[in-house]
Amino acid sequence: MYLPKIYENFSGKFPEVLKDFKKLGQTCREAGPLDQKSQDLIKLGIAMGANSRGSVMSSTRKALEAGATAEEISHAVLLSLTTTGFPNMIAAMGWVDEVFNKK
């Protein structure tokens, strides 16, 4: 799986913080009834709202690995239009397409 250089640098400098951060993420995922695919699509929506390129791309890869189709992911992106606005939605669409084109 692709990891940005900044993430690799962070993990080298602060391995214990990263370990605890990952544990918190896992605990949050296990705290409720949503399946992996639903969680990843929701996290994609959050990433789009934050206008975070890295998070959108990571969430897209994770959603695909969890069984989401390209059509489901594209629909999730389209749904962001009325909440985050056209510019954010278009940016997210481009980032998602980058992931699709690498597959």
N, C-alpha and C. Protein backbone atom coordinates (compact mmCIF):
# COMPACT_ATOMS: atom_id res chain seq x y z
N MET A 1 0.84 -1.18 0.00
CA MET A 1 0.00 0.00 0.00
C MET A 1 0.89 1.24 0.00
N TYR A 2 0.48 2.23 -0.76
CA TYR A 2 1.21 3.48 -0.87
C TYR A 2 1.15 4.25 0.45
N LEU A 3 2.28 4.76 0.89
CA LEU A 3 2.35 5.63 2.06
C LEU A 3 3.13 6.88 1.68
N PRO A 4 2.56 8.06 1.92
CA PRO A 4 3.28 9.29 1.60
C PRO A 4 4.57 9.40 2.41
N LYS A 5 5.53 10.08 1.85
CA LYS A 5 6.82 10.27 2.51
C LYS A 5 6.66 10.91 3.89
N ILE A 6 5.77 11.89 4.01
CA ILE A 6 5.57 12.56 5.29
C ILE A 6 5.08 11.57 6.35
N TYR A 7 4.25 10.62 5.94
CA TYR A 7 3.77 9.59 6.87
C TYR A 7 4.92 8.70 7.31
N GLU A 8 5.74 8.32 6.37
CA GLU A 8 6.91 7.49 6.70
C GLU A 8 7.85 8.23 7.65
N ASN A 9 8.07 9.52 7.39
CA ASN A 9 8.92 10.32 8.27
C ASN A 9 8.33 10.40 9.67
N PHE A 10 7.02 10.65 9.75
CA PHE A 10 6.35 10.74 11.04
C PHE A 10 6.47 9.42 11.81
N SER A 11 6.23 8.31 11.12
CA SER A 11 6.29 7.01 11.79
C SER A 11 7.69 6.70 12.29
N GLY A 12 8.71 7.19 11.61
CA GLY A 12 10.08 6.98 12.06
C GLY A 12 10.43 7.83 13.28
N LYS A 13 9.88 9.03 13.32
CA LYS A 13 10.18 9.95 14.42
C LYS A 13 9.35 9.67 15.66
N PHE A 14 8.10 9.24 15.46
CA PHE A 14 7.17 9.08 16.58
C PHE A 14 6.45 7.73 16.52
N PRO A 15 7.18 6.64 16.58
CA PRO A 15 6.56 5.32 16.43
C PRO A 15 5.51 5.01 17.51
N GLU A 16 5.72 5.44 18.73
CA GLU A 16 4.76 5.16 19.80
C GLU A 16 3.46 5.95 19.60
N VAL A 17 3.59 7.19 19.15
CA VAL A 17 2.40 8.00 18.87
C VAL A 17 1.60 7.35 17.75
N LEU A 18 2.29 6.93 16.70
CA LEU A 18 1.61 6.28 15.58
C LEU A 18 0.93 4.99 16.03
N LYS A 19 1.61 4.20 16.85
CA LYS A 19 1.02 2.95 17.35
C LYS A 19 -0.26 3.24 18.12
N ASP A 20 -0.24 4.24 19.00
CA ASP A 20 -1.43 4.59 19.78
C ASP A 20 -2.53 5.15 18.90
N PHE A 21 -2.15 5.94 17.89
CA PHE A 21 -3.12 6.50 16.96
C PHE A 21 -3.84 5.39 16.19
N LYS A 22 -3.06 4.41 15.71
CA LYS A 22 -3.65 3.28 14.99
C LYS A 22 -4.58 2.47 15.91
N LYS A 23 -4.17 2.29 17.15
CA LYS A 23 -5.00 1.56 18.11
C LYS A 23 -6.32 2.28 18.34
N LEU A 24 -6.26 3.62 18.48
CA LEU A 24 -7.48 4.40 18.65
C LEU A 24 -8.40 4.23 17.44
N GLY A 25 -7.81 4.28 16.25
CA GLY A 25 -8.61 4.09 15.04
C GLY A 25 -9.28 2.73 15.01
N GLN A 26 -8.55 1.70 15.39
CA GLN A 26 -9.12 0.34 15.42
C GLN A 26 -10.23 0.24 16.47
N THR A 27 -10.01 0.84 17.63
CA THR A 27 -11.02 0.83 18.69
C THR A 27 -12.29 1.52 18.22
N CYS A 28 -12.15 2.64 17.52
CA CYS A 28 -13.31 3.35 16.99
C CYS A 28 -14.05 2.50 15.96
N ARG A 29 -13.31 1.81 15.10
CA ARG A 29 -13.96 0.95 14.09
C ARG A 29 -14.75 -0.19 14.74
N GLU A 30 -14.23 -0.71 15.84
CA GLU A 30 -14.87 -1.85 16.51
C GLU A 30 -15.99 -1.44 17.46
N ALA A 31 -16.19 -0.15 17.66
CA ALA A 31 -17.14 0.33 18.66
C ALA A 31 -18.59 0.31 18.20
N GLY A 32 -18.83 -0.01 16.94
CA GLY A 32 -20.20 0.04 16.44
C GLY A 32 -20.49 -1.03 15.42
N PRO A 33 -21.71 -1.02 14.89
CA PRO A 33 -22.17 -2.11 14.03
C PRO A 33 -21.85 -1.98 12.54
N LEU A 34 -21.29 -0.86 12.10
CA LEU A 34 -21.08 -0.67 10.67
C LEU A 34 -20.01 -1.62 10.14
N ASP A 35 -20.26 -2.14 8.94
CA ASP A 35 -19.27 -3.01 8.32
C ASP A 35 -18.13 -2.18 7.74
N GLN A 36 -17.08 -2.86 7.34
CA GLN A 36 -15.86 -2.20 6.86
C GLN A 36 -16.13 -1.28 5.67
N LYS A 37 -16.89 -1.76 4.70
CA LYS A 37 -17.17 -0.96 3.51
C LYS A 37 -17.92 0.32 3.88
N SER A 38 -18.92 0.20 4.73
CA SER A 38 -19.69 1.38 5.15
C SER A 38 -18.79 2.36 5.89
N GLN A 39 -17.95 1.84 6.77
CA GLN A 39 -17.02 2.71 7.50
C GLN A 39 -16.10 3.45 6.54
N ASP A 40 -15.59 2.75 5.55
CA ASP A 40 -14.66 3.38 4.62
C ASP A 40 -15.35 4.42 3.74
N LEU A 41 -16.59 4.18 3.36
CA LEU A 41 -17.33 5.18 2.58
C LEU A 41 -17.64 6.41 3.44
N ILE A 42 -17.96 6.19 4.70
CA ILE A 42 -18.20 7.32 5.61
C ILE A 42 -16.92 8.12 5.80
N LYS A 43 -15.82 7.41 6.00
CA LYS A 43 -14.54 8.11 6.17
C LYS A 43 -14.16 8.87 4.90
N LEU A 44 -14.54 8.35 3.74
CA LEU A 44 -14.34 9.08 2.49
C LEU A 44 -15.14 10.38 2.51
N GLY A 45 -16.37 10.32 2.97
CA GLY A 45 -17.19 11.53 3.07
C GLY A 45 -16.58 12.56 4.00
N ILE A 46 -16.06 12.10 5.12
CA ILE A 46 -15.42 13.01 6.07
C ILE A 46 -14.18 13.64 5.43
N ALA A 47 -13.41 12.83 4.73
CA ALA A 47 -12.20 13.33 4.06
C ALA A 47 -12.55 14.38 3.02
N MET A 48 -13.65 14.16 2.29
CA MET A 48 -14.07 15.15 1.29
C MET A 48 -14.46 16.45 1.98
N GLY A 49 -15.18 16.34 3.10
CA GLY A 49 -15.58 17.54 3.83
C GLY A 49 -14.39 18.32 4.35
N ALA A 50 -13.31 17.61 4.69
CA ALA A 50 -12.09 18.25 5.17
C ALA A 50 -11.22 18.74 4.00
N ASN A 51 -11.62 18.40 2.79
CA ASN A 51 -10.88 18.76 1.58
C ASN A 51 -9.43 18.28 1.67
N SER A 52 -9.29 17.03 2.11
CA SER A 52 -7.96 16.45 2.32
C SER A 52 -7.63 15.45 1.22
N ARG A 53 -6.75 15.85 0.33
CA ARG A 53 -6.37 15.00 -0.80
C ARG A 53 -5.88 13.64 -0.34
N GLY A 54 -4.94 13.62 0.60
CA GLY A 54 -4.38 12.36 1.06
C GLY A 54 -5.42 11.46 1.68
N SER A 55 -6.31 12.04 2.48
CA SER A 55 -7.35 11.23 3.13
C SER A 55 -8.38 10.72 2.13
N VAL A 56 -8.71 11.55 1.14
CA VAL A 56 -9.65 11.09 0.11
C VAL A 56 -9.05 9.91 -0.65
N MET A 57 -7.80 10.04 -1.03
CA MET A 57 -7.17 8.96 -1.79
C MET A 57 -7.01 7.70 -0.94
N SER A 58 -6.60 7.86 0.30
CA SER A 58 -6.45 6.71 1.20
C SER A 58 -7.80 6.04 1.44
N SER A 59 -8.82 6.84 1.71
CA SER A 59 -10.16 6.28 1.95
C SER A 59 -10.70 5.58 0.71
N THR A 60 -10.38 6.11 -0.45
CA THR A 60 -10.81 5.47 -1.70
C THR A 60 -10.15 4.10 -1.85
N ARG A 61 -8.85 4.04 -1.61
CA ARG A 61 -8.15 2.74 -1.70
C ARG A 61 -8.72 1.75 -0.69
N LYS A 62 -8.96 2.21 0.53
CA LYS A 62 -9.50 1.32 1.56
C LYS A 62 -10.91 0.86 1.22
N ALA A 63 -11.73 1.76 0.68
CA ALA A 63 -13.09 1.38 0.29
C ALA A 63 -13.06 0.33 -0.82
N LEU A 64 -12.17 0.51 -1.78
CA LEU A 64 -12.05 -0.49 -2.85
C LEU A 64 -11.64 -1.84 -2.27
N GLU A 65 -10.67 -1.83 -1.36
CA GLU A 65 -10.21 -3.07 -0.73
C GLU A 65 -11.31 -3.73 0.08
N ALA A 66 -12.23 -2.91 0.62
CA ALA A 66 -13.34 -3.45 1.42
C ALA A 66 -14.51 -3.91 0.57
N GLY A 67 -14.38 -3.78 -0.76
CA GLY A 67 -15.42 -4.29 -1.65
C GLY A 67 -16.32 -3.24 -2.26
N ALA A 68 -16.08 -1.97 -2.01
CA ALA A 68 -16.88 -0.92 -2.65
C ALA A 68 -16.55 -0.89 -4.14
N THR A 69 -17.55 -0.65 -4.94
CA THR A 69 -17.34 -0.53 -6.38
C THR A 69 -16.98 0.91 -6.73
N ALA A 70 -16.43 1.08 -7.91
CA ALA A 70 -16.13 2.43 -8.39
C ALA A 70 -17.40 3.26 -8.45
N GLU A 71 -18.52 2.64 -8.82
CA GLU A 71 -19.79 3.35 -8.90
C GLU A 71 -20.25 3.82 -7.52
N GLU A 72 -20.08 2.98 -6.50
CA GLU A 72 -20.47 3.37 -5.14
C GLU A 72 -19.60 4.54 -4.65
N ILE A 73 -18.33 4.46 -4.92
CA ILE A 73 -17.42 5.53 -4.50
C ILE A 73 -17.74 6.82 -5.24
N SER A 74 -17.98 6.73 -6.53
CA SER A 74 -18.33 7.91 -7.30
C SER A 74 -19.64 8.53 -6.81
N HIS A 75 -20.58 7.69 -6.42
CA HIS A 75 -21.85 8.19 -5.88
C HIS A 75 -21.60 8.93 -4.56
N ALA A 76 -20.73 8.37 -3.71
CA ALA A 76 -20.38 9.04 -2.45
C ALA A 76 -19.79 10.42 -2.73
N VAL A 77 -18.94 10.50 -3.75
CA VAL A 77 -18.34 11.79 -4.12
C VAL A 77 -19.44 12.75 -4.58
N LEU A 78 -20.32 12.29 -5.42
CA LEU A 78 -21.40 13.14 -5.93
C LEU A 78 -22.27 13.66 -4.79
N LEU A 79 -22.52 12.82 -3.79
CA LEU A 79 -23.34 13.24 -2.65
C LEU A 79 -22.73 14.41 -1.88
N SER A 80 -21.43 14.58 -1.99
CA SER A 80 -20.78 15.68 -1.27
C SER A 80 -21.09 17.05 -1.90
N LEU A 81 -21.61 17.06 -3.10
CA LEU A 81 -21.87 18.32 -3.82
C LEU A 81 -22.71 19.28 -3.01
N THR A 82 -23.83 18.83 -2.48
CA THR A 82 -24.74 19.75 -1.80
C THR A 82 -24.33 20.06 -0.37
N THR A 83 -23.34 19.35 0.14
CA THR A 83 -22.88 19.61 1.50
C THR A 83 -21.59 20.42 1.52
N THR A 84 -20.63 20.04 0.67
CA THR A 84 -19.33 20.72 0.71
C THR A 84 -19.13 21.70 -0.44
N GLY A 85 -20.00 21.65 -1.44
CA GLY A 85 -19.91 22.58 -2.56
C GLY A 85 -19.22 21.99 -3.78
N PHE A 86 -19.46 22.64 -4.90
CA PHE A 86 -18.94 22.16 -6.18
C PHE A 86 -17.42 22.08 -6.21
N PRO A 87 -16.68 23.10 -5.77
CA PRO A 87 -15.22 23.02 -5.85
C PRO A 87 -14.64 21.83 -5.06
N ASN A 88 -15.14 21.60 -3.86
CA ASN A 88 -14.65 20.46 -3.07
C ASN A 88 -15.01 19.13 -3.73
N MET A 89 -16.22 19.06 -4.25
CA MET A 89 -16.65 17.82 -4.89
C MET A 89 -15.81 17.53 -6.13
N ILE A 90 -15.55 18.55 -6.93
CA ILE A 90 -14.75 18.36 -8.14
C ILE A 90 -13.32 17.96 -7.77
N ALA A 91 -12.76 18.59 -6.74
CA ALA A 91 -11.41 18.22 -6.29
C ALA A 91 -11.40 16.76 -5.85
N ALA A 92 -12.38 16.37 -5.06
CA ALA A 92 -12.45 14.98 -4.59
C ALA A 92 -12.61 14.02 -5.75
N MET A 93 -13.41 14.39 -6.73
CA MET A 93 -13.60 13.54 -7.90
C MET A 93 -12.26 13.31 -8.61
N GLY A 94 -11.48 14.36 -8.72
CA GLY A 94 -10.17 14.22 -9.36
C GLY A 94 -9.24 13.31 -8.57
N TRP A 95 -9.24 13.44 -7.24
CA TRP A 95 -8.38 12.60 -6.40
C TRP A 95 -8.81 11.14 -6.46
N VAL A 96 -10.13 10.91 -6.46
CA VAL A 96 -10.65 9.55 -6.56
C VAL A 96 -10.28 8.96 -7.92
N ASP A 97 -10.41 9.75 -8.96
CA ASP A 97 -10.05 9.27 -10.30
C ASP A 97 -8.56 8.91 -10.38
N GLU A 98 -7.71 9.66 -9.66
CA GLU A 98 -6.29 9.30 -9.62
C GLU A 98 -6.11 7.89 -9.07
N VAL A 99 -6.84 7.56 -8.02
CA VAL A 99 -6.76 6.22 -7.44
C VAL A 99 -7.30 5.19 -8.42
N PHE A 100 -8.45 5.47 -9.03
CA PHE A 100 -9.03 4.54 -10.01
C PHE A 100 -8.06 4.29 -11.16
N ASN A 101 -7.40 5.33 -11.62
CA ASN A 101 -6.50 5.19 -12.77
C ASN A 101 -5.23 4.43 -12.45
N LYS A 102 -4.87 4.34 -11.17
CA LYS A 102 -3.69 3.56 -10.76
C LYS A 102 -4.02 2.08 -10.60
N LYS A 103 -5.29 1.74 -10.53
CA LYS A 103 -5.71 0.34 -10.34
C LYS A 103 -5.69 -0.40 -11.65
